[in-house]
Amino acid sequence: MRKTTLLIAGALPLLAAPVCTLAQSADAEAAFNPNSESPFVRLIRPDRPGQTITTNMLYPGQFQFETGLTRYDAGGNNSYAGRQVWGSTLRVGFFNHIELRATQHYLRTPTAPRPLGDTPALPFAGPAGFAPLNVGAKFLASSTQNARSQVVVLLDMNLRNGDASFTGKQLEPGGRLLVSQQLGQRYGLEGNFGFRQQGFKAEGTKQGQYLTTLALNGPLGAGTHFGFLAETYATWQRQQGWLPGLTSGLYYRPLPGLRFDVTAGHGLTPAAGGFSIGAGISARLGK
């Protein structure tokens, strides 16, 4: 009986820990972390546009939807050259400092030029429609959510669904280390280092792709709803080498949980792709 009582007493703190975590909210966070009320943390920070995924994590009960259309120049050599791509991400705040996410891309079928005379137009032979779905989760790696310096781990995977025109589909696991440093109350420097491969075999690591990014974002002034994004990024793969690029953009935030943005990007080498432009919207629901 005494042993049973001791076991129950020892288990109570373990059972209480998840209950305390379930009660976490933005209001509770503000009680012991004053930085959670800074504009950089409080205002919406989407994971688009650009290559950089933010360290921002939603609280339990919060939802965030991000979508945008990007048009790539036909002169580029990347896989999206001459295409228009819709990208949409749904983010859901979960318990224990976890955020669940799903990203879906849609490639529009390019408009074929009108043939001369009676020559029939050739059907488009490339991939089009819904690309394989990407699902993943963010995990807080630093001690306090929304601290001035924060580290987050992102684990995700491309599935094997999508339109049949996407050939050679495999499960593609990937991961990123996300880091951020808040500058003042409104600006932030964020960086990613990631890796993705096809399949789970060891030889897949030799064909995998590395990614590194660095982005600066913040408002154009203390009393304005307009802001900017400036980003540099590079990918590396054994067959292709380094493919660096730049992204810049402006955004307008009429409400703390609503943001519109326009962006432009360009690869720094011919193989990295040509010019691209895009526009999108992000909205957050829940407190």
Protein backbone atom coordinates (compact mmCIF):
# COMPACT_ATOMS: atom_id res chain seq x y z
CA MET A 1 0.00 0.00 0.00
CA ARG A 2 2.81 2.38 0.86
CA LYS A 3 4.52 1.64 -2.47
CA THR A 4 1.27 2.27 -4.35
CA THR A 5 0.80 5.62 -2.58
CA LEU A 6 4.36 6.66 -3.45
CA LEU A 7 3.89 5.70 -7.10
CA ILE A 8 0.67 7.69 -7.32
CA ALA A 9 2.27 10.71 -5.67
CA GLY A 10 5.21 10.52 -8.04
CA ALA A 11 2.95 10.25 -11.08
CA LEU A 12 0.86 13.29 -10.23
CA PRO A 13 3.48 15.84 -11.34
CA LEU A 14 3.91 13.95 -14.61
CA LEU A 15 0.18 14.02 -15.22
CA ALA A 16 -0.06 17.67 -14.27
CA ALA A 17 2.57 18.78 -16.78
CA PRO A 18 0.45 18.08 -19.89
CA VAL A 19 -2.54 19.74 -18.26
CA CYS A 20 -0.53 22.90 -17.71
CA THR A 21 0.63 22.76 -21.31
CA LEU A 22 -2.93 22.42 -22.57
CA ALA A 23 -3.80 25.60 -20.76
CA GLN A 24 -1.13 27.53 -22.65
CA SER A 25 -2.42 30.55 -24.55
CA ALA A 26 -1.22 33.89 -25.83
CA ASP A 27 -2.45 35.56 -22.63
CA ALA A 28 -0.62 33.09 -20.41
CA GLU A 29 2.55 33.54 -22.45
CA ALA A 30 2.43 37.32 -21.97
CA ALA A 31 2.36 36.87 -18.19
CA PHE A 32 5.96 35.64 -18.03
CA ASN A 33 7.35 36.74 -21.41
CA PRO A 34 6.93 40.50 -21.98
CA ASN A 35 8.43 40.16 -25.45
CA SER A 36 5.29 38.33 -26.60
CA GLU A 37 3.59 41.74 -26.80
CA SER A 38 6.25 43.25 -29.10
CA PRO A 39 5.02 44.12 -32.62
CA PHE A 40 7.45 41.63 -34.18
CA VAL A 41 5.80 38.76 -32.29
CA ARG A 42 2.20 39.98 -31.97
CA LEU A 43 1.62 40.85 -35.64
CA ILE A 44 1.16 38.17 -38.29
CA ARG A 45 4.34 36.59 -39.70
CA PRO A 46 3.56 34.22 -42.56
CA ASP A 47 5.92 31.57 -43.92
CA ARG A 48 5.57 33.11 -47.36
CA PRO A 49 6.71 34.69 -49.60
CA GLY A 50 10.29 33.71 -50.34
CA GLN A 51 12.25 30.63 -49.32
CA THR A 52 12.59 31.46 -45.61
CA ILE A 53 10.18 29.81 -43.17
CA THR A 54 9.79 31.85 -39.99
CA THR A 55 10.29 30.69 -36.41
CA ASN A 56 6.80 32.03 -35.66
CA MET A 57 4.61 29.32 -34.10
CA LEU A 58 0.86 29.54 -33.60
CA TYR A 59 -0.72 28.99 -30.20
CA PRO A 60 -3.27 26.20 -29.63
CA GLY A 61 -6.56 27.18 -31.22
CA GLN A 62 -5.00 29.51 -33.80
CA PHE A 63 -5.26 28.90 -37.54
CA GLN A 64 -3.39 30.64 -40.33
CA PHE A 65 -3.99 30.39 -44.08
CA GLU A 66 -1.42 31.68 -46.57
CA THR A 67 -1.80 31.67 -50.35
CA GLY A 68 -0.20 33.36 -53.31
CA LEU A 69 0.45 33.21 -57.05
CA THR A 70 3.98 33.36 -58.49
CA ARG A 71 4.85 33.77 -62.16
CA TYR A 72 8.29 32.60 -63.34
CA ASP A 73 10.10 33.99 -66.37
CA ALA A 74 10.28 31.66 -69.35
CA GLY A 75 14.02 32.24 -69.72
CA GLY A 76 14.92 30.52 -66.46
CA ASN A 77 16.26 27.00 -66.17
CA ASN A 78 14.48 25.96 -62.99
CA SER A 79 11.57 23.51 -62.91
CA TYR A 80 8.99 26.31 -62.86
CA ALA A 81 10.36 28.29 -65.84
CA GLY A 82 7.54 29.93 -67.76
CA ARG A 83 4.92 28.68 -65.31
CA GLN A 84 2.39 30.17 -62.90
CA VAL A 85 2.26 28.44 -59.52
CA TRP A 86 -0.35 28.75 -56.76
CA GLY A 87 1.04 27.96 -53.33
CA SER A 88 -1.19 27.58 -50.26
CA THR A 89 -0.29 26.68 -46.68
CA LEU A 90 -2.58 25.90 -43.76
CA ARG A 91 -0.99 26.19 -40.30
CA VAL A 92 -2.65 25.01 -37.08
CA GLY A 93 -1.44 25.69 -33.55
CA PHE A 94 -1.13 22.54 -31.46
CA PHE A 95 -0.23 21.76 -27.85
CA ASN A 96 3.25 21.29 -26.35
CA HIS A 97 4.80 23.99 -28.57
CA ILE A 98 3.96 22.17 -31.81
CA GLU A 99 2.52 23.62 -35.02
CA LEU A 100 1.00 21.38 -37.71
CA ARG A 101 1.09 22.45 -41.36
CA ALA A 102 0.18 21.38 -44.90
CA THR A 103 1.33 23.01 -48.13
CA GLN A 104 -0.25 22.47 -51.55
CA HIS A 105 1.07 23.78 -54.88
CA TYR A 106 -0.92 24.00 -58.09
CA LEU A 107 0.79 24.45 -61.46
CA ARG A 108 -1.38 26.13 -64.04
CA THR A 109 -1.25 24.70 -67.57
CA PRO A 110 0.55 27.27 -69.74
CA THR A 111 -1.39 28.82 -72.61
CA ALA A 112 -0.07 27.46 -75.89
CA PRO A 113 0.58 29.98 -78.68
CA ARG A 114 -1.96 29.93 -81.50
CA PRO A 115 -0.63 27.89 -84.43
CA LEU A 116 -0.44 29.33 -87.92
CA GLY A 117 -2.82 28.06 -90.52
CA ASP A 118 -4.51 24.73 -89.95
CA THR A 119 -1.71 23.27 -87.84
CA PRO A 120 -3.24 21.81 -84.64
CA ALA A 121 -1.86 22.98 -81.34
CA LEU A 122 0.30 20.45 -79.51
CA PRO A 123 -0.95 19.52 -76.03
CA PHE A 124 1.22 20.53 -73.10
CA ALA A 125 3.37 17.56 -72.02
CA GLY A 126 4.81 18.83 -68.73
CA PRO A 127 3.45 18.46 -65.19
CA ALA A 128 0.33 20.45 -64.36
CA GLY A 129 -2.36 20.49 -61.73
CA PHE A 130 -1.94 19.65 -58.06
CA ALA A 131 1.61 18.82 -56.98
CA PRO A 132 2.30 16.26 -54.23
CA LEU A 133 1.10 17.51 -50.86
CA ASN A 134 3.67 18.56 -48.28
CA VAL A 135 2.84 17.89 -44.62
CA GLY A 136 4.94 18.71 -41.58
CA ALA A 137 5.24 20.13 -38.11
CA LYS A 138 7.27 22.76 -36.28
CA PHE A 139 8.77 21.96 -32.88
CA LEU A 140 10.11 24.59 -30.49
CA ALA A 141 13.77 23.84 -29.73
CA SER A 142 14.59 26.89 -27.60
CA SER A 143 13.36 27.32 -24.04
CA THR A 144 10.73 30.06 -24.49
CA GLN A 145 8.29 30.63 -27.33
CA ASN A 146 8.44 34.09 -28.90
CA ALA A 147 11.72 35.03 -27.20
CA ARG A 148 13.98 37.57 -28.87
CA SER A 149 16.20 34.70 -30.01
CA GLN A 150 14.38 31.54 -31.04
CA VAL A 151 15.22 28.14 -32.53
CA VAL A 152 12.61 25.89 -34.15
CA VAL A 153 12.91 22.53 -35.91
CA LEU A 154 10.71 21.84 -38.94
CA LEU A 155 10.16 18.24 -40.10
CA ASP A 156 8.12 17.68 -43.25
CA MET A 157 7.53 15.28 -46.13
CA ASN A 158 6.33 15.43 -49.73
CA LEU A 159 3.74 12.70 -50.28
CA ARG A 160 3.16 10.60 -53.41
CA ASN A 161 -0.26 12.00 -54.30
CA GLY A 162 -0.97 14.75 -56.80
CA ASP A 163 -1.73 14.83 -60.51
CA ALA A 164 -0.58 11.88 -62.63
CA SER A 165 1.50 14.26 -64.79
CA PHE A 166 4.01 14.48 -61.93
CA THR A 167 6.20 11.47 -62.67
CA GLY A 168 8.71 9.68 -60.46
CA LYS A 169 6.87 10.54 -57.24
CA GLN A 170 8.44 9.30 -54.02
CA LEU A 171 8.18 10.08 -50.36
CA GLU A 172 10.59 12.97 -49.82
CA PRO A 173 11.47 13.58 -46.16
CA GLY A 174 13.05 16.86 -45.22
CA GLY A 175 13.98 19.02 -42.28
CA ARG A 176 15.02 22.56 -41.47
CA LEU A 177 16.63 24.35 -38.59
CA LEU A 178 14.90 27.73 -38.21
CA VAL A 179 16.58 30.51 -36.25
CA SER A 180 15.58 34.13 -35.64
CA GLN A 181 16.94 37.17 -33.88
CA GLN A 182 14.60 40.05 -33.09
CA LEU A 183 16.11 43.49 -33.73
CA GLY A 184 14.51 46.14 -31.55
CA GLN A 185 10.74 45.75 -31.23
CA ARG A 186 9.74 45.53 -34.90
CA TYR A 187 12.49 44.01 -37.05
CA GLY A 188 13.78 40.48 -37.36
CA LEU A 189 16.64 38.56 -38.94
CA GLU A 190 15.70 34.97 -39.78
CA GLY A 191 17.61 32.09 -41.31
CA ASN A 192 17.03 28.49 -42.40
CA PHE A 193 19.31 25.53 -42.97
CA GLY A 194 17.62 22.50 -44.45
CA PHE A 195 17.98 19.22 -46.33
CA ARG A 196 15.62 17.08 -48.43
CA GLN A 197 16.05 13.72 -50.13
CA GLN A 198 14.00 11.23 -52.13
CA GLY A 199 13.12 8.08 -50.24
CA PHE A 200 14.59 6.75 -47.03
CA LYS A 201 17.58 4.83 -48.34
CA ALA A 202 21.11 5.85 -47.47
CA GLU A 203 22.08 6.45 -51.10
CA GLY A 204 19.31 9.05 -51.30
CA THR A 205 21.41 11.40 -49.18
CA LYS A 206 23.92 11.66 -52.04
CA GLN A 207 21.20 13.04 -54.31
CA GLY A 208 19.65 15.25 -51.64
CA GLN A 209 19.36 19.01 -51.76
CA TYR A 210 20.63 21.45 -49.15
CA LEU A 211 19.06 24.86 -48.56
CA THR A 212 20.30 27.93 -46.72
CA THR A 213 18.48 31.26 -46.40
CA LEU A 214 18.83 34.60 -44.62
CA ALA A 215 16.03 37.18 -44.51
CA LEU A 216 15.47 40.62 -42.96
CA ASN A 217 11.92 41.87 -42.50
CA GLY A 218 10.11 44.66 -40.69
CA PRO A 219 7.94 47.78 -41.12
CA LEU A 220 8.93 50.75 -43.26
CA GLY A 221 8.26 53.00 -40.26
CA ALA A 222 6.98 52.95 -36.69
CA GLY A 223 3.56 54.40 -37.56
CA THR A 224 2.87 52.62 -40.85
CA HIS A 225 1.17 49.39 -41.87
CA PHE A 226 3.61 48.88 -44.73
CA GLY A 227 6.72 46.72 -44.45
CA PHE A 228 9.48 45.03 -46.44
CA LEU A 229 11.19 41.68 -46.97
CA ALA A 230 14.76 41.20 -48.23
CA GLU A 231 16.10 37.67 -48.62
CA THR A 232 19.08 35.80 -50.00
CA TYR A 233 19.07 32.04 -50.43
CA ALA A 234 20.98 29.21 -52.07
CA THR A 235 20.43 25.52 -52.77
CA TRP A 236 23.14 22.93 -53.32
CA GLN A 237 22.93 19.52 -54.96
CA ARG A 238 25.81 17.36 -56.13
CA GLN A 239 24.69 17.38 -59.77
CA GLN A 240 23.79 21.08 -59.93
CA GLY A 241 26.15 22.80 -57.51
CA TRP A 242 25.19 26.08 -55.88
CA LEU A 243 22.05 27.88 -57.11
CA PRO A 244 21.81 31.26 -55.32
CA GLY A 245 19.03 33.82 -55.60
CA LEU A 246 17.46 36.96 -54.14
CA THR A 247 13.90 37.82 -53.12
CA SER A 248 12.50 41.21 -52.14
CA GLY A 249 9.01 42.44 -51.47
CA LEU A 250 6.60 44.81 -49.80
CA TYR A 251 3.57 44.06 -47.64
CA TYR A 252 0.53 45.88 -46.29
CA ARG A 253 -1.00 44.83 -42.98
CA PRO A 254 -4.38 46.52 -42.36
CA LEU A 255 -5.08 44.30 -39.31
CA PRO A 256 -2.77 42.47 -36.87
CA GLY A 257 -3.86 39.13 -38.36
CA LEU A 258 -4.13 40.06 -42.06
CA ARG A 259 -1.36 40.77 -44.57
CA PHE A 260 -1.11 41.36 -48.32
CA ASP A 261 2.24 41.15 -50.11
CA VAL A 262 3.92 41.57 -53.50
CA THR A 263 7.35 40.12 -54.26
CA ALA A 264 10.01 39.86 -56.94
CA GLY A 265 12.90 37.42 -57.17
CA HIS A 266 15.80 36.53 -59.42
CA GLY A 267 18.36 33.75 -59.61
CA LEU A 268 21.98 34.88 -59.51
CA THR A 269 23.13 32.28 -62.06
CA PRO A 270 21.48 31.09 -65.31
CA ALA A 271 20.80 27.68 -63.78
CA ALA A 272 19.18 29.24 -60.69
CA GLY A 273 16.23 30.57 -62.66
CA GLY A 274 15.19 33.90 -64.09
CA PHE A 275 12.95 36.69 -62.89
CA SER A 276 9.77 35.97 -60.92
CA ILE A 277 6.97 38.08 -59.50
CA GLY A 278 4.23 37.17 -57.06
CA ALA A 279 1.41 38.37 -54.85
CA GLY A 280 -0.48 36.81 -51.99
CA ILE A 281 -2.50 37.11 -48.80
CA SER A 282 -2.17 35.67 -45.29
CA ALA A 283 -4.83 35.57 -42.58
CA ARG A 284 -4.72 34.38 -38.96
CA LEU A 285 -7.73 33.34 -36.89
CA GLY A 286 -7.93 32.75 -33.17
CA LYS A 287 -6.35 34.47 -30.19
